[in-house]
N, C-alpha and C. Protein backbone atom coordinates (compact mmCIF):
# COMPACT_ATOMS: atom_id res chain seq x y z
N UNK A 1 -54.26 -7.16 17.09
CA UNK A 1 -54.27 -8.25 18.21
C UNK A 1 -54.12 -9.51 17.15
N UNK A 2 -55.07 -9.59 16.19
CA UNK A 2 -54.85 -11.14 15.61
C UNK A 2 -53.67 -11.22 14.70
N UNK A 3 -52.97 -9.98 14.49
CA UNK A 3 -52.08 -9.83 13.66
C UNK A 3 -50.51 -10.82 14.46
N UNK A 4 -50.53 -10.15 15.67
CA UNK A 4 -49.63 -10.70 16.77
C UNK A 4 -49.88 -12.22 16.61
N UNK A 5 -50.98 -12.74 16.95
CA UNK A 5 -51.52 -14.21 16.91
C UNK A 5 -50.62 -14.93 15.92
N UNK A 6 -51.06 -14.53 14.60
CA UNK A 6 -50.46 -15.02 13.35
C UNK A 6 -48.93 -15.02 13.24
N UNK A 7 -48.23 -14.08 13.88
CA UNK A 7 -46.84 -14.11 13.99
C UNK A 7 -46.52 -15.17 14.76
N UNK A 8 -47.12 -15.34 16.07
CA UNK A 8 -46.84 -16.34 16.97
C UNK A 8 -47.12 -17.78 16.40
N UNK A 9 -47.93 -17.95 15.67
CA UNK A 9 -48.47 -19.33 15.05
C UNK A 9 -47.40 -19.39 13.85
N UNK A 10 -46.70 -18.52 13.22
CA UNK A 10 -45.81 -18.59 12.28
C UNK A 10 -44.46 -19.06 12.92
N UNK A 11 -44.11 -18.17 13.89
CA UNK A 11 -43.01 -18.78 14.92
C UNK A 11 -43.22 -20.24 15.40
N UNK A 12 -44.27 -20.38 15.84
CA UNK A 12 -44.53 -21.75 16.36
C UNK A 12 -44.28 -22.67 15.24
N UNK A 13 -44.53 -22.45 13.93
CA UNK A 13 -44.58 -23.30 12.80
C UNK A 13 -43.25 -23.31 12.31
N UNK A 14 -42.49 -22.40 12.22
CA UNK A 14 -41.10 -22.17 12.00
C UNK A 14 -40.35 -22.96 12.98
N UNK A 15 -40.64 -23.13 14.27
CA UNK A 15 -39.94 -24.00 15.32
C UNK A 15 -40.32 -25.36 15.10
N UNK A 16 -41.36 -25.78 14.63
CA UNK A 16 -41.68 -27.12 14.34
C UNK A 16 -40.88 -27.58 13.20
N UNK A 17 -40.86 -26.65 12.23
CA UNK A 17 -40.34 -26.97 10.98
C UNK A 17 -38.60 -27.25 11.19
N UNK A 18 -38.19 -26.61 11.82
CA UNK A 18 -36.74 -26.41 12.36
C UNK A 18 -36.46 -27.76 13.07
N UNK A 19 -37.28 -27.98 13.94
CA UNK A 19 -37.40 -29.34 14.71
C UNK A 19 -37.10 -30.67 14.02
N UNK A 20 -38.23 -30.67 12.78
CA UNK A 20 -38.27 -31.66 11.80
C UNK A 20 -37.15 -31.91 11.25
N UNK A 21 -36.59 -30.56 10.88
CA UNK A 21 -35.65 -31.04 9.94
C UNK A 21 -33.94 -31.31 10.87
N UNK A 22 -33.94 -30.54 11.98
CA UNK A 22 -32.88 -31.03 12.78
C UNK A 22 -32.85 -32.63 13.15
N UNK A 23 -33.91 -33.16 13.60
CA UNK A 23 -33.98 -34.41 14.13
C UNK A 23 -34.21 -35.51 12.89
N UNK A 24 -34.43 -35.07 11.80
CA UNK A 24 -34.48 -36.06 10.98
C UNK A 24 -33.26 -35.85 9.87
N UNK A 25 -32.37 -36.84 9.69
CA UNK A 25 -31.26 -36.65 8.84
C UNK A 25 -31.66 -36.58 7.20
N UNK A 26 -32.67 -37.27 7.08
CA UNK A 26 -33.33 -37.09 5.55
C UNK A 26 -34.70 -36.92 5.75
N UNK A 27 -35.46 -35.76 5.48
CA UNK A 27 -36.76 -35.52 5.38
C UNK A 27 -37.12 -35.23 4.16
N UNK A 28 -38.47 -35.55 3.83
CA UNK A 28 -39.10 -34.93 2.63
C UNK A 28 -40.43 -34.43 3.00
N UNK A 29 -40.44 -32.91 2.55
CA UNK A 29 -41.67 -32.32 2.59
C UNK A 29 -42.50 -32.57 1.02
N UNK A 30 -43.98 -33.18 1.02
CA UNK A 30 -44.20 -33.61 -0.09
C UNK A 30 -45.86 -33.61 0.11
N UNK A 31 -46.30 -33.77 -1.13
CA UNK A 31 -47.73 -33.79 -1.21
C UNK A 31 -48.32 -35.44 -1.18
N UNK A 32 -48.78 -35.61 -0.12
CA UNK A 32 -49.33 -37.09 0.22
C UNK A 32 -48.40 -38.03 1.21
N UNK A 33 -48.03 -39.16 0.67
CA UNK A 33 -47.21 -40.11 1.56
C UNK A 33 -46.51 -40.86 0.58
N UNK A 34 -45.06 -41.42 1.03
CA UNK A 34 -44.69 -42.31 0.10
C UNK A 34 -45.27 -43.41 -0.64
N UNK A 35 -46.32 -44.10 0.20
CA UNK A 35 -47.12 -44.83 -0.26
C UNK A 35 -48.35 -44.39 -1.17
N UNK A 36 -48.44 -43.18 -1.18
CA UNK A 36 -49.68 -42.56 -1.91
C UNK A 36 -49.38 -41.38 -2.19
N UNK A 37 -48.36 -40.91 -2.84
CA UNK A 37 -48.26 -39.54 -3.39
C UNK A 37 -49.22 -38.67 -4.04
N UNK A 38 -49.55 -37.71 -3.62
CA UNK A 38 -50.53 -36.92 -4.30
C UNK A 38 -50.17 -35.96 -5.70
N UNK A 39 -48.98 -35.74 -5.82
CA UNK A 39 -48.66 -35.21 -7.25
C UNK A 39 -47.41 -36.08 -8.06
N UNK A 40 -47.49 -35.69 -9.24
CA UNK A 40 -46.30 -36.27 -9.96
C UNK A 40 -44.95 -36.01 -9.30
N UNK A 41 -44.69 -34.68 -8.85
CA UNK A 41 -43.56 -34.34 -8.41
C UNK A 41 -43.02 -35.05 -7.42
N UNK A 42 -44.15 -35.09 -6.49
CA UNK A 42 -43.88 -36.03 -5.30
C UNK A 42 -43.29 -37.48 -5.45
N UNK A 43 -44.38 -37.91 -6.31
CA UNK A 43 -44.09 -39.44 -6.56
C UNK A 43 -42.51 -39.45 -7.37
N UNK A 44 -42.47 -38.77 -8.29
CA UNK A 44 -40.92 -38.99 -8.85
C UNK A 44 -39.93 -38.86 -7.89
N UNK A 45 -40.01 -38.02 -6.74
CA UNK A 45 -39.07 -37.66 -5.84
C UNK A 45 -38.91 -38.79 -4.95
N UNK A 46 -39.91 -39.27 -4.64
CA UNK A 46 -40.04 -40.59 -3.75
C UNK A 46 -39.49 -41.71 -4.38
N UNK A 47 -39.52 -42.04 -5.60
CA UNK A 47 -39.04 -42.87 -6.33
C UNK A 47 -37.53 -42.95 -6.28
N UNK A 48 -36.87 -41.74 -6.57
CA UNK A 48 -35.52 -41.45 -6.46
C UNK A 48 -35.11 -41.95 -5.11
N UNK A 49 -35.97 -41.22 -4.01
CA UNK A 49 -35.13 -41.54 -2.81
C UNK A 49 -35.53 -42.96 -2.41
N UNK A 50 -36.09 -43.71 -2.49
CA UNK A 50 -36.42 -45.05 -2.40
C UNK A 50 -35.73 -46.09 -3.06
N UNK A 51 -35.25 -45.51 -4.20
CA UNK A 51 -33.96 -46.25 -4.90
C UNK A 51 -32.71 -46.33 -4.17
N UNK A 52 -32.44 -45.31 -3.36
CA UNK A 52 -31.37 -45.31 -2.59
C UNK A 52 -31.26 -46.08 -1.71
N UNK A 53 -32.32 -46.60 -0.93
CA UNK A 53 -32.33 -47.73 -0.21
C UNK A 53 -32.49 -47.49 1.19
N UNK A 54 -32.49 -46.09 1.38
CA UNK A 54 -32.49 -45.83 2.97
C UNK A 54 -33.94 -45.25 3.43
N UNK A 55 -34.33 -45.34 4.87
CA UNK A 55 -35.43 -45.00 5.13
C UNK A 55 -35.27 -43.27 5.23
N UNK A 56 -36.41 -42.64 5.27
CA UNK A 56 -36.29 -41.03 5.42
C UNK A 56 -37.64 -40.54 5.96
N UNK A 57 -37.51 -39.83 6.51
CA UNK A 57 -38.94 -39.29 7.34
C UNK A 57 -39.56 -38.54 6.14
N UNK A 58 -40.97 -38.13 6.31
CA UNK A 58 -41.62 -37.00 5.32
C UNK A 58 -42.85 -36.59 6.22
N UNK A 59 -43.19 -35.40 5.56
CA UNK A 59 -44.42 -34.69 5.86
C UNK A 59 -45.15 -34.29 4.76
N UNK A 60 -46.49 -34.78 5.11
CA UNK A 60 -47.44 -34.60 3.94
C UNK A 60 -47.84 -33.09 4.36
N UNK A 61 -47.46 -32.21 3.27
CA UNK A 61 -47.99 -30.97 3.26
C UNK A 61 -49.35 -30.42 3.31
N UNK A 62 -50.18 -31.63 2.77
CA UNK A 62 -51.51 -31.45 2.36
C UNK A 62 -52.07 -31.61 3.69
N UNK A 63 -51.81 -32.21 4.55
CA UNK A 63 -52.62 -32.59 5.85
C UNK A 63 -51.88 -31.74 6.80
N UNK A 64 -50.99 -30.54 6.55
CA UNK A 64 -50.21 -29.98 7.22
C UNK A 64 -50.27 -28.35 6.57
N UNK A 65 -51.32 -27.70 6.82
CA UNK A 65 -51.43 -26.30 5.95
C UNK A 65 -50.65 -25.32 6.41
N UNK A 66 -50.37 -25.34 7.79
CA UNK A 66 -49.60 -24.27 8.20
C UNK A 66 -47.88 -24.60 7.91
N UNK A 67 -47.65 -25.77 7.99
CA UNK A 67 -46.22 -26.06 7.11
C UNK A 67 -46.11 -25.78 5.98
N UNK A 68 -47.08 -26.19 5.01
CA UNK A 68 -47.77 -26.15 3.59
C UNK A 68 -47.02 -24.37 3.27
N UNK A 69 -47.89 -23.20 4.30
CA UNK A 69 -47.60 -21.97 3.91
C UNK A 69 -46.47 -21.49 4.17
N UNK A 70 -45.84 -21.92 5.38
CA UNK A 70 -44.56 -21.41 5.98
C UNK A 70 -43.49 -22.10 5.45
N UNK A 71 -43.29 -23.43 4.97
CA UNK A 71 -41.99 -23.79 4.69
C UNK A 71 -41.30 -23.02 3.32
N UNK A 72 -42.13 -22.34 2.27
CA UNK A 72 -41.50 -22.04 1.36
C UNK A 72 -40.68 -20.66 1.67
N UNK A 73 -41.45 -19.85 2.84
CA UNK A 73 -40.44 -18.70 3.43
C UNK A 73 -39.27 -18.97 4.37
N UNK A 74 -39.42 -20.52 4.96
CA UNK A 74 -38.13 -20.83 5.73
C UNK A 74 -37.09 -21.06 5.00
N UNK A 75 -37.17 -21.67 3.74
CA UNK A 75 -36.31 -22.16 2.77
C UNK A 75 -35.88 -21.44 1.66
N UNK A 76 -36.94 -20.33 1.52
CA UNK A 76 -36.59 -19.30 0.39
C UNK A 76 -36.82 -20.28 -0.87
N UNK A 77 -37.66 -21.21 -0.91
CA UNK A 77 -38.07 -22.40 -2.09
C UNK A 77 -39.42 -22.34 -2.35
N UNK A 78 -40.10 -22.00 -3.42
CA UNK A 78 -41.31 -22.08 -3.32
C UNK A 78 -42.30 -23.07 -3.40
N UNK A 79 -41.49 -24.23 -4.01
CA UNK A 79 -42.25 -25.30 -4.61
C UNK A 79 -42.13 -26.64 -3.69
N UNK A 80 -43.15 -27.45 -3.92
CA UNK A 80 -42.87 -28.85 -3.13
C UNK A 80 -42.42 -29.99 -4.24
N UNK A 81 -42.14 -31.19 -4.07
CA UNK A 81 -41.34 -31.58 -2.83
C UNK A 81 -39.95 -30.29 -2.47
N UNK A 82 -39.71 -30.78 -1.14
CA UNK A 82 -38.66 -29.89 -1.00
C UNK A 82 -37.86 -31.15 -0.14
N UNK A 83 -36.59 -31.78 -0.17
CA UNK A 83 -35.97 -32.54 0.35
C UNK A 83 -34.62 -31.93 1.08
N UNK A 84 -34.53 -32.13 2.34
CA UNK A 84 -33.63 -31.86 3.44
C UNK A 84 -32.90 -33.04 3.56
N UNK A 85 -31.30 -32.89 3.63
CA UNK A 85 -30.27 -33.73 4.38
C UNK A 85 -29.39 -33.17 4.78
N UNK A 86 -29.26 -33.94 6.27
CA UNK A 86 -28.48 -33.40 7.31
C UNK A 86 -28.69 -31.87 7.38
N UNK A 87 -29.87 -31.46 7.40
CA UNK A 87 -30.41 -29.81 7.49
C UNK A 87 -30.09 -29.14 6.42
N UNK A 88 -29.80 -29.54 5.48
CA UNK A 88 -29.83 -28.60 4.41
C UNK A 88 -30.77 -28.99 3.28
N UNK A 89 -31.40 -27.82 2.95
CA UNK A 89 -32.21 -28.14 1.51
C UNK A 89 -31.43 -28.61 0.17
N UNK A 90 -31.60 -29.60 -0.29
CA UNK A 90 -31.06 -30.11 -1.27
C UNK A 90 -31.34 -29.80 -2.54
N UNK A 91 -33.25 -29.58 -2.42
CA UNK A 91 -33.98 -29.00 -3.78
C UNK A 91 -35.29 -29.98 -3.70
N UNK A 92 -35.58 -29.61 -5.09
CA UNK A 92 -36.99 -30.08 -5.07
C UNK A 92 -36.82 -31.35 -6.10
N UNK A 93 -37.89 -31.33 -7.02
CA UNK A 93 -38.19 -32.72 -7.98
C UNK A 93 -36.83 -33.02 -9.10
N UNK A 94 -36.78 -31.72 -9.58
CA UNK A 94 -35.98 -31.61 -10.93
C UNK A 94 -34.38 -31.93 -10.37
N UNK A 95 -34.19 -31.22 -9.12
CA UNK A 95 -32.91 -31.29 -8.71
C UNK A 95 -32.50 -32.98 -8.20
N UNK A 96 -33.27 -33.30 -7.60
CA UNK A 96 -33.32 -34.84 -6.87
C UNK A 96 -33.28 -35.61 -8.23
N UNK A 97 -34.14 -35.55 -9.15
CA UNK A 97 -34.20 -36.31 -10.14
C UNK A 97 -32.55 -36.22 -11.01
N UNK A 98 -32.24 -35.26 -11.19
CA UNK A 98 -31.04 -34.80 -11.68
C UNK A 98 -29.90 -35.59 -11.10
N UNK A 99 -29.83 -35.14 -9.72
CA UNK A 99 -28.65 -35.87 -8.80
C UNK A 99 -28.73 -37.32 -9.20
N UNK A 100 -29.66 -38.19 -8.89
CA UNK A 100 -30.37 -39.64 -8.69
C UNK A 100 -29.69 -40.00 -10.08
N UNK A 101 -30.08 -39.19 -11.25
CA UNK A 101 -29.62 -40.02 -12.48
C UNK A 101 -28.12 -39.88 -12.44
N UNK A 102 -27.46 -38.83 -12.08
CA UNK A 102 -25.79 -38.48 -12.42
C UNK A 102 -25.33 -39.44 -11.16
N UNK A 103 -25.83 -39.93 -10.18
CA UNK A 103 -25.35 -40.90 -8.99
C UNK A 103 -24.65 -39.96 -7.97
N UNK A 104 -25.01 -38.66 -8.04
CA UNK A 104 -24.88 -38.05 -6.63
C UNK A 104 -25.69 -38.04 -5.56
N UNK A 105 -26.92 -38.25 -6.04
CA UNK A 105 -28.18 -38.56 -4.75
C UNK A 105 -27.52 -39.70 -3.59
N UNK A 106 -27.69 -41.16 -4.55
CA UNK A 106 -27.25 -42.29 -3.36
C UNK A 106 -26.03 -42.19 -2.70
N UNK A 107 -25.08 -41.73 -2.70
CA UNK A 107 -23.86 -41.52 -1.87
C UNK A 107 -24.55 -40.69 -0.81
N UNK A 108 -25.06 -39.30 -1.13
CA UNK A 108 -25.44 -38.49 -0.08
C UNK A 108 -26.34 -38.69 0.79
N UNK A 109 -27.39 -39.96 0.34
CA UNK A 109 -28.44 -40.61 1.25
C UNK A 109 -27.74 -41.26 2.14
N UNK A 110 -26.82 -42.08 1.47
CA UNK A 110 -26.41 -43.47 2.37
C UNK A 110 -25.38 -42.85 3.58
N UNK A 111 -24.87 -41.93 3.11
CA UNK A 111 -23.78 -41.03 4.20
C UNK A 111 -24.82 -40.43 5.68
N UNK A 112 -26.02 -39.80 4.80
CA UNK A 112 -26.89 -39.26 5.94
C UNK A 112 -27.60 -40.31 6.65
N UNK A 113 -27.92 -41.50 6.28
CA UNK A 113 -28.49 -42.71 6.73
C UNK A 113 -27.43 -43.06 8.00
N UNK A 114 -26.34 -43.23 7.55
CA UNK A 114 -25.27 -43.63 8.53
C UNK A 114 -24.88 -42.65 9.72
N UNK A 115 -25.11 -41.46 9.52
CA UNK A 115 -25.10 -40.51 10.50
C UNK A 115 -26.31 -40.71 11.61
N UNK A 116 -27.22 -41.04 11.19
CA UNK A 116 -28.52 -41.51 11.73
C UNK A 116 -28.47 -42.75 12.65
N UNK A 117 -27.50 -43.43 12.42
CA UNK A 117 -27.49 -44.72 13.16
C UNK A 117 -26.82 -44.65 14.50
């Protein structure tokens, strides 16, 4: 019986994650908050995003253990942070940093922000 409950919770959490990603054109799953990141990778990703000059949503996975446990399965991506733009997983810290340095990130973020207006 407890196994069924676990599956229900997982489905609820999956529905929550899907809703967050669907309802926010730019969303970052990270450790901590943009103002107080709790790991270096989250801090670096936030710096790249903030440098693009657009608002973005975030979820602190440290205060949301169910999301922290479920998101790697949802995305088939094992690590955090995870950036989603217009419903698609863009990647984690290394990919975001590379995209920012190559000039690919800012147009992607600006375009998603326009869609949100």
